[in-house]
Each structure stands twice: as structure tokens, then as C-alpha cells.
Amino acid sequence: MSTLPHGGAVELSIAPRAATDADDDGPDELLGGSGTGPTGRPRRHVPEPALLDQHGPARVLAMCNQKGGVGKTTSTINLGAALTEFGRRVLLVDFDPQGALSVGLGIPAHQLDRTIYNVLIERSVDIHDVVLRTGVENMDLLPSNIDLSAAEVQLVSEVGREHALLRTLRPVLDAYDYVLVDCQPSLGLLTVNALAAADGVLIPLECEFFSLRGVALLIDTIDKVRERLNPKLEITGILATMFDPRTLHSREVMARVVEAFKDTVFDTVINRTVRFPETTVAGEPITTWAPRSAGAKAYRQLAREVIAR
């Protein structure tokens, strides 16, 4: 398992440059095969995922970064969908009061009577009654909406408040192979709950000048949770997102990310593409909306790497 370098903030000495969006899919050679990938290093061999003859217990991964707009929700949806293509059963947990994960799967979160908030706070509510089927076979959703914002206040007085999410998930862990928790963009009590329940942390990191500034704080939080609440917590990997291979700025940031975090950085890189906003409107993952697109191929490659790790 790769480990992350600790101690001290990560600095970037890159002059800000204007960035442009890629209009459509990038070349396939950025996503797989042999040779040097967009990380600037040779791709590591990733074995074909083994077939499963039974499901569970689930590996819980927290999709975490306190900076907003880095692709956490997009990556949660699309990684989950890609994992199902390799025969895995997946539960997505919307742990953000904004409910973006639920909306991104076509669920009208604001209209739901029961969400993860009710399972967390009301002992009488069974998680099995709140989990919803999605349009992707073998991928379920534990939805959220603005009600969850009250949970952070209500949990403060609870005994073992940092383990509320773990208690909530425990009854369903044997039914899934992966549980992906989409965290809110903060390092508050909800995010600490996600880290306390997780086996690993996947950090989406935008290929942009300011993206590394808060990572040292996130890593410090992960270290504290590992030390005080969850000794098994590991950093599964760092996923470079919103990469635009046409700009020098993106390539320079990528080089600094790989230099700082080394093998912890996934070989898979998620390019900027107009496809991802389209999938949000469609309410489905890119693997079904545009299955032959470069974005879909990238998330399938990421799923292979996650399974291998």
C-alpha cells in the first residue's frame, strides 16, 4: 500500500495561467495501455479484476477533499458505476447536505421524506428502508438532502459521535463489495465520521494552482483520525481531476502533484470534458451516458486500480 509523505505544507511555484476547457474527449492514449501516461511516469501494471463468487464485506472508501469543485461527486458516481461493470456491488453514500450525489443520479433529494439523516438520528429508522435502487444495476444509494446539515449540531452531544456513520452502515456492509462515501467540502464532524468509518480515503485533486494548498491540512486530519479513532485508515490514492493536457499550467501542476505524492497518485487521470456536466443533467453516470467516451474509459481504469489496491 502506498503511503503519503507527511510533514509540512506542499508548495507550488507555478505562475498562474489562463486555462481552457477541453471541448470533448481526449485521446485514448492518455487513459491506458503501455508507455508514459499523463502523470509523466510509466504506467504500472494493473491486473484484470478477479471475478467474485460472493459479495461482502464491503470496503468503505471516503471521497474526501475540503476544497469544493474538485470532482468528488462526479468521481463517486462514475467510480461506483465502473466498479459494477467488474461485478462488484456498490453502495453510494451521499454525506453532503447539498445532496449533489443524489441529484446527480436523478433522485429528487429535496422531496424525500427519509434520508441518511433519519438513519443517523432516529434509532427507529432502518437503513434498509432508506437505501434506494439507482438506474445502474448493482449500485444503490443512501440519499441525503439539506436535513443532514442539522445532524452535525445534533451529534455533538451524542456519545461516540464520531462513529455514528459506522453504526449506520454496519447492518449493510455484508451486502456490498464497496461503499463510497461522498463527503462534504469541509473537515467538520460529518467528514470525521466518514473517515472514522472508512478503510481508505480517495482524494480527488484538481490540476489547478491552488489545489495543493489545503491538502496538507486534510492529510493532518487523516493522521489524527488514524491515531485517535480508526487505526486501519489508509490513503487509497490521489486522483488527479480536471486535467487539460493542452495547457502548460495543467502539466506543471501534474508534475508537482506526482513529485509531492509519488506512487500514491493513481495512474488514471480525469480530463476536463463537457461530458460530465451533461451526465449531471441526465442523472446517470458517464459509463452509461457516453460509454465509449474517454471519461468513461478513465473511470473504468480507475476502478481497476482501486480494486488492485
Protein backbone atom coordinates (compact mmCIF):
# COMPACT_ATOMS: atom_id res chain seq x y z
CA MET A 1 0.00 0.00 0.00
CA SER A 2 1.33 3.38 -0.94
CA THR A 3 1.90 5.84 1.85
CA LEU A 4 1.78 9.59 1.71
CA PRO A 5 4.69 11.83 2.68
CA HIS A 6 3.91 13.77 5.84
CA GLY A 7 5.11 16.89 7.49
CA GLY A 8 4.98 20.39 6.09
CA ALA A 9 2.78 22.06 3.55
CA VAL A 10 3.07 21.34 -0.13
CA GLU A 11 4.22 24.35 -2.11
CA LEU A 12 3.77 25.09 -5.79
CA SER A 13 5.96 27.58 -7.59
CA ILE A 14 3.86 27.98 -10.71
CA ALA A 15 2.79 31.26 -12.24
CA PRO A 16 -1.00 31.37 -12.75
CA ARG A 17 -2.06 30.87 -16.38
CA ALA A 18 -5.37 31.03 -18.18
CA ALA A 19 -6.94 27.59 -18.53
CA THR A 20 -9.36 26.43 -21.22
CA ASP A 21 -11.87 23.60 -21.14
CA ALA A 22 -11.45 20.61 -23.39
CA ASP A 23 -14.46 20.56 -25.70
CA ASP A 24 -14.73 16.81 -25.89
CA ASP A 25 -12.94 13.55 -25.27
CA GLY A 26 -9.18 13.47 -25.11
CA PRO A 27 -7.02 10.90 -26.90
CA ASP A 28 -7.29 7.34 -25.67
CA GLU A 29 -3.55 7.08 -25.15
CA LEU A 30 -3.95 9.31 -22.09
CA LEU A 31 -6.03 6.65 -20.40
CA GLY A 32 -4.50 3.22 -20.70
CA GLY A 33 -2.15 0.90 -22.46
CA SER A 34 1.61 0.99 -22.36
CA GLY A 35 4.08 3.83 -22.25
CA THR A 36 4.09 7.06 -20.31
CA GLY A 37 0.75 8.40 -19.15
CA PRO A 38 -0.36 11.96 -18.29
CA THR A 39 1.33 11.65 -14.89
CA GLY A 40 4.65 11.72 -16.74
CA ARG A 41 5.75 8.33 -15.46
CA PRO A 42 5.46 4.79 -16.87
CA ARG A 43 2.11 3.16 -16.16
CA ARG A 44 2.13 0.41 -13.58
CA HIS A 45 0.66 -2.97 -14.44
CA VAL A 46 -2.91 -3.32 -13.21
CA PRO A 47 -4.21 -6.92 -13.24
CA GLU A 48 -7.63 -7.80 -14.57
CA PRO A 49 -10.06 -7.75 -11.59
CA ALA A 50 -10.90 -11.23 -10.38
CA LEU A 51 -14.45 -12.49 -10.61
CA LEU A 52 -16.31 -12.79 -7.30
CA ASP A 53 -18.33 -15.82 -6.22
CA GLN A 54 -19.85 -13.93 -3.27
CA HIS A 55 -20.27 -10.33 -2.09
CA GLY A 56 -19.08 -8.51 1.03
CA PRO A 57 -17.92 -7.49 3.45
CA ALA A 58 -17.60 -4.06 1.87
CA ARG A 59 -14.50 -1.92 1.72
CA VAL A 60 -15.51 1.63 2.72
CA LEU A 61 -13.84 4.47 0.81
CA ALA A 62 -14.29 8.12 1.76
CA MET A 63 -14.13 10.51 -1.20
CA CYS A 64 -12.65 13.47 0.60
CA ASN A 65 -11.28 16.94 -0.06
CA GLN A 66 -12.27 20.04 1.88
CA LYS A 67 -11.92 22.12 -1.30
CA GLY A 68 -15.13 22.23 -3.28
CA GLY A 69 -15.48 21.73 -7.00
CA VAL A 70 -12.69 19.19 -7.40
CA GLY A 71 -14.81 16.33 -8.76
CA LYS A 72 -15.70 14.38 -5.59
CA THR A 73 -19.33 13.77 -6.50
CA THR A 74 -18.60 13.10 -10.18
CA SER A 75 -15.89 10.63 -9.20
CA THR A 76 -18.12 8.91 -6.61
CA ILE A 77 -20.89 8.30 -9.16
CA ASN A 78 -18.66 7.22 -12.01
CA LEU A 79 -16.23 5.11 -9.97
CA GLY A 80 -19.22 3.36 -8.39
CA ALA A 81 -20.76 2.65 -11.80
CA ALA A 82 -17.43 1.44 -13.19
CA LEU A 83 -16.94 -0.93 -10.23
CA THR A 84 -20.28 -2.58 -11.01
CA GLU A 85 -19.01 -3.38 -14.52
CA PHE A 86 -16.39 -5.57 -12.84
CA GLY A 87 -19.06 -7.49 -10.94
CA ARG A 88 -18.90 -5.50 -7.71
CA ARG A 89 -21.94 -4.48 -5.67
CA VAL A 90 -21.68 -0.84 -4.65
CA LEU A 91 -23.45 1.44 -2.17
CA LEU A 92 -23.05 5.19 -2.68
CA VAL A 93 -23.50 7.29 0.47
CA ASP A 94 -24.47 10.93 -0.02
CA PHE A 95 -22.91 12.52 3.06
CA ASP A 96 -23.21 16.12 1.90
CA PRO A 97 -26.26 18.22 2.91
CA GLN A 98 -26.26 19.72 -0.59
CA GLY A 99 -27.43 16.34 -1.87
CA ALA A 100 -25.46 16.65 -5.12
CA LEU A 101 -24.79 12.91 -5.31
CA SER A 102 -28.49 12.14 -5.09
CA VAL A 103 -29.39 14.79 -7.67
CA GLY A 104 -26.60 13.54 -9.96
CA LEU A 105 -28.34 10.16 -10.03
CA GLY A 106 -31.72 11.66 -10.87
CA ILE A 107 -33.12 11.45 -7.31
CA PRO A 108 -35.21 14.50 -6.23
CA ALA A 109 -33.45 14.73 -2.87
CA HIS A 110 -35.48 17.69 -1.55
CA GLN A 111 -38.68 15.65 -1.90
CA LEU A 112 -37.50 12.66 0.13
CA ASP A 113 -39.15 12.03 3.50
CA ARG A 114 -36.34 9.81 4.79
CA THR A 115 -32.63 10.16 4.11
CA ILE A 116 -29.36 9.28 5.78
CA TYR A 117 -30.18 11.99 8.34
CA ASN A 118 -33.09 9.93 9.68
CA VAL A 119 -30.95 6.79 9.96
CA LEU A 120 -28.24 8.71 11.82
CA ILE A 121 -30.51 10.49 14.28
CA GLU A 122 -33.63 8.35 14.67
CA ARG A 123 -32.93 4.90 16.12
CA SER A 124 -36.31 3.63 14.88
CA VAL A 125 -35.41 4.11 11.19
CA ASP A 126 -33.84 1.07 9.48
CA ILE A 127 -31.18 1.74 6.87
CA HIS A 128 -32.71 -0.92 4.60
CA ASP A 129 -35.85 1.23 4.34
CA VAL A 130 -33.88 4.29 3.19
CA VAL A 131 -31.46 2.79 0.66
CA LEU A 132 -32.67 3.37 -2.91
CA ARG A 133 -32.03 1.49 -6.13
CA THR A 134 -30.37 3.54 -8.87
CA GLY A 135 -30.60 3.21 -12.63
CA VAL A 136 -27.31 1.26 -12.54
CA GLU A 137 -27.64 -2.42 -11.76
CA ASN A 138 -25.90 -3.44 -8.51
CA MET A 139 -25.42 0.20 -7.44
CA ASP A 140 -27.59 1.54 -4.60
CA LEU A 141 -27.80 4.95 -2.96
CA LEU A 142 -28.18 6.16 0.62
CA PRO A 143 -29.56 9.62 -0.20
CA SER A 144 -29.17 12.97 1.52
CA ASN A 145 -30.67 16.44 1.49
CA ILE A 146 -30.46 19.67 3.48
CA ASP A 147 -31.78 17.89 6.60
CA LEU A 148 -28.30 16.43 7.07
CA SER A 149 -26.95 19.87 7.95
CA ALA A 150 -28.77 19.58 11.29
CA ALA A 151 -27.05 16.30 12.11
CA GLU A 152 -23.70 17.94 12.77
CA VAL A 153 -25.26 20.01 15.57
CA GLN A 154 -27.35 17.15 16.98
CA LEU A 155 -24.47 14.68 17.04
CA VAL A 156 -22.25 16.97 19.15
CA SER A 157 -23.92 15.82 22.37
CA GLU A 158 -24.03 12.14 21.38
CA VAL A 159 -21.77 9.53 22.99
CA GLY A 160 -19.38 8.19 20.35
CA ARG A 161 -20.47 10.90 17.91
CA GLU A 162 -17.52 10.25 15.57
CA HIS A 163 -18.76 6.69 14.91
CA ALA A 164 -22.38 7.49 14.06
CA LEU A 165 -21.89 6.75 10.35
CA LEU A 166 -20.08 3.48 11.09
CA ARG A 167 -23.01 2.36 13.26
CA THR A 168 -25.39 3.34 10.47
CA LEU A 169 -23.55 1.37 7.78
CA ARG A 170 -22.73 -1.75 9.78
CA PRO A 171 -26.01 -3.62 9.04
CA VAL A 172 -25.47 -3.44 5.24
CA LEU A 173 -21.71 -3.94 4.87
CA ASP A 174 -22.05 -7.65 4.13
CA ALA A 175 -24.34 -6.94 1.17
CA TYR A 176 -21.81 -4.84 -0.79
CA ASP A 177 -18.23 -5.01 -2.02
CA TYR A 178 -17.62 -1.24 -1.91
CA VAL A 179 -19.23 1.64 -0.03
CA LEU A 180 -18.26 5.03 -1.46
CA VAL A 181 -18.94 7.99 0.84
CA ASP A 182 -19.23 11.37 -0.88
CA CYS A 183 -18.05 13.83 1.80
CA GLN A 184 -18.97 17.48 2.09
CA PRO A 185 -16.27 20.08 1.27
CA SER A 186 -15.22 20.70 4.87
CA LEU A 187 -13.34 18.99 7.68
CA GLY A 188 -16.20 19.09 10.18
CA LEU A 189 -17.84 16.34 12.21
CA LEU A 190 -19.55 14.73 9.22
CA THR A 191 -16.24 14.32 7.40
CA VAL A 192 -14.60 12.97 10.56
CA ASN A 193 -17.46 10.43 10.74
CA ALA A 194 -16.73 9.37 7.17
CA LEU A 195 -13.02 8.95 7.93
CA ALA A 196 -13.77 7.04 11.13
CA ALA A 197 -15.96 4.60 9.16
CA ALA A 198 -13.61 4.22 6.19
CA ASP A 199 -10.95 1.68 5.31
CA GLY A 200 -9.39 4.10 2.84
CA VAL A 201 -9.50 7.69 1.61
CA LEU A 202 -9.60 8.62 -2.06
CA ILE A 203 -8.61 12.26 -2.60
CA PRO A 204 -9.71 13.94 -5.84
CA LEU A 205 -7.20 16.70 -6.55
CA GLU A 206 -7.88 19.32 -9.20
CA CYS A 207 -4.98 20.07 -11.57
CA GLU A 208 -5.04 23.77 -10.75
CA PHE A 209 -2.66 26.15 -8.98
CA PHE A 210 -4.44 26.33 -5.61
CA SER A 211 -5.36 22.66 -5.43
CA LEU A 212 -2.50 21.56 -3.20
CA ARG A 213 -2.75 24.35 -0.66
CA GLY A 214 -5.29 22.60 1.56
CA VAL A 215 -4.09 19.03 1.09
CA ALA A 216 -1.60 19.25 3.97
CA LEU A 217 -4.49 20.14 6.32
CA LEU A 218 -6.53 17.21 5.01
CA ILE A 219 -3.61 14.83 5.49
CA ASP A 220 -3.16 16.14 9.04
CA THR A 221 -6.84 15.40 9.74
CA ILE A 222 -6.47 11.90 8.29
CA ASP A 223 -3.44 11.30 10.53
CA LYS A 224 -5.36 12.42 13.62
CA VAL A 225 -8.34 10.20 12.79
CA ARG A 226 -6.00 7.24 12.23
CA GLU A 227 -4.26 7.91 15.54
CA ARG A 228 -7.34 8.53 17.68
CA LEU A 229 -10.36 6.87 16.04
CA ASN A 230 -9.55 4.49 13.19
CA PRO A 231 -6.13 2.79 13.17
CA LYS A 232 -6.88 0.91 9.92
CA LEU A 233 -7.45 4.10 7.88
CA GLU A 234 -5.20 4.35 4.82
CA ILE A 235 -4.89 6.72 1.90
CA THR A 236 -6.03 4.61 -1.04
CA GLY A 237 -4.85 7.13 -3.58
CA ILE A 238 -4.89 10.64 -5.01
CA LEU A 239 -6.88 11.12 -8.20
CA ALA A 240 -5.86 13.98 -10.48
CA THR A 241 -9.01 15.57 -11.91
CA MET A 242 -9.90 18.34 -14.37
CA PHE A 243 -6.63 17.80 -16.23
CA ASP A 244 -6.25 19.68 -19.52
CA PRO A 245 -3.26 18.25 -21.41
CA ARG A 246 -3.29 21.22 -23.80
CA THR A 247 -2.23 23.74 -21.15
CA LEU A 248 1.24 24.10 -19.71
CA HIS A 249 -0.35 25.05 -16.39
CA SER A 250 -2.11 21.67 -16.01
CA ARG A 251 1.03 19.77 -16.97
CA GLU A 252 3.14 21.74 -14.48
CA VAL A 253 0.65 21.14 -11.66
CA MET A 254 0.55 17.43 -12.55
CA ALA A 255 4.33 17.24 -12.32
CA ARG A 256 4.27 18.86 -8.85
CA VAL A 257 1.49 16.52 -7.66
CA VAL A 258 3.46 13.43 -8.72
CA GLU A 259 6.66 14.87 -7.24
CA ALA A 260 4.95 15.52 -3.89
CA PHE A 261 2.83 12.36 -3.56
CA LYS A 262 4.72 9.85 -5.73
CA ASP A 263 3.13 6.38 -6.02
CA THR A 264 0.06 7.45 -4.06
CA VAL A 265 -1.14 9.23 -7.22
CA PHE A 266 -3.26 6.98 -9.42
CA ASP A 267 -2.02 6.45 -12.97
CA THR A 268 -5.56 7.23 -14.11
CA VAL A 269 -6.17 10.93 -14.72
CA ILE A 270 -9.57 12.52 -15.30
CA ASN A 271 -9.54 15.07 -18.11
CA ARG A 272 -11.75 18.11 -18.42
CA THR A 273 -14.67 17.33 -20.73
CA VAL A 274 -18.13 18.69 -21.45
CA ARG A 275 -19.48 15.17 -20.97
CA PHE A 276 -19.53 15.39 -17.15
CA PRO A 277 -21.97 18.35 -16.91
CA GLU A 278 -24.16 16.52 -19.43
CA THR A 279 -24.32 13.45 -17.22
CA THR A 280 -25.46 15.55 -14.25
CA VAL A 281 -28.40 16.82 -16.27
CA ALA A 282 -29.12 13.28 -17.50
CA GLY A 283 -28.97 11.91 -13.94
CA GLU A 284 -26.75 8.97 -14.82
CA PRO A 285 -23.04 8.07 -14.83
CA ILE A 286 -20.84 8.68 -17.84
CA THR A 287 -20.32 4.92 -18.21
CA THR A 288 -23.93 4.63 -19.40
CA TRP A 289 -24.46 8.14 -20.83
CA ALA A 290 -21.38 8.06 -23.04
CA PRO A 291 -19.94 4.55 -22.58
CA ARG A 292 -17.28 4.88 -25.29
CA SER A 293 -16.05 8.31 -24.21
CA ALA A 294 -12.60 8.95 -22.80
CA GLY A 295 -14.18 9.87 -19.44
CA ALA A 296 -15.94 6.51 -19.21
CA LYS A 297 -12.72 4.67 -20.09
CA ALA A 298 -10.83 6.67 -17.46
CA TYR A 299 -13.23 5.72 -14.67
CA ARG A 300 -13.12 2.06 -15.72
CA GLN A 301 -9.33 2.24 -15.50
CA LEU A 302 -9.63 3.90 -12.08
CA ALA A 303 -11.94 1.10 -10.93
CA ARG A 304 -9.28 -1.42 -11.92
CA GLU A 305 -6.65 0.47 -9.93
CA VAL A 306 -8.92 0.75 -6.86
CA ILE A 307 -9.65 -2.98 -6.94
CA ALA A 308 -5.94 -3.75 -7.34
CA ARG A 309 -5.02 -1.60 -4.33
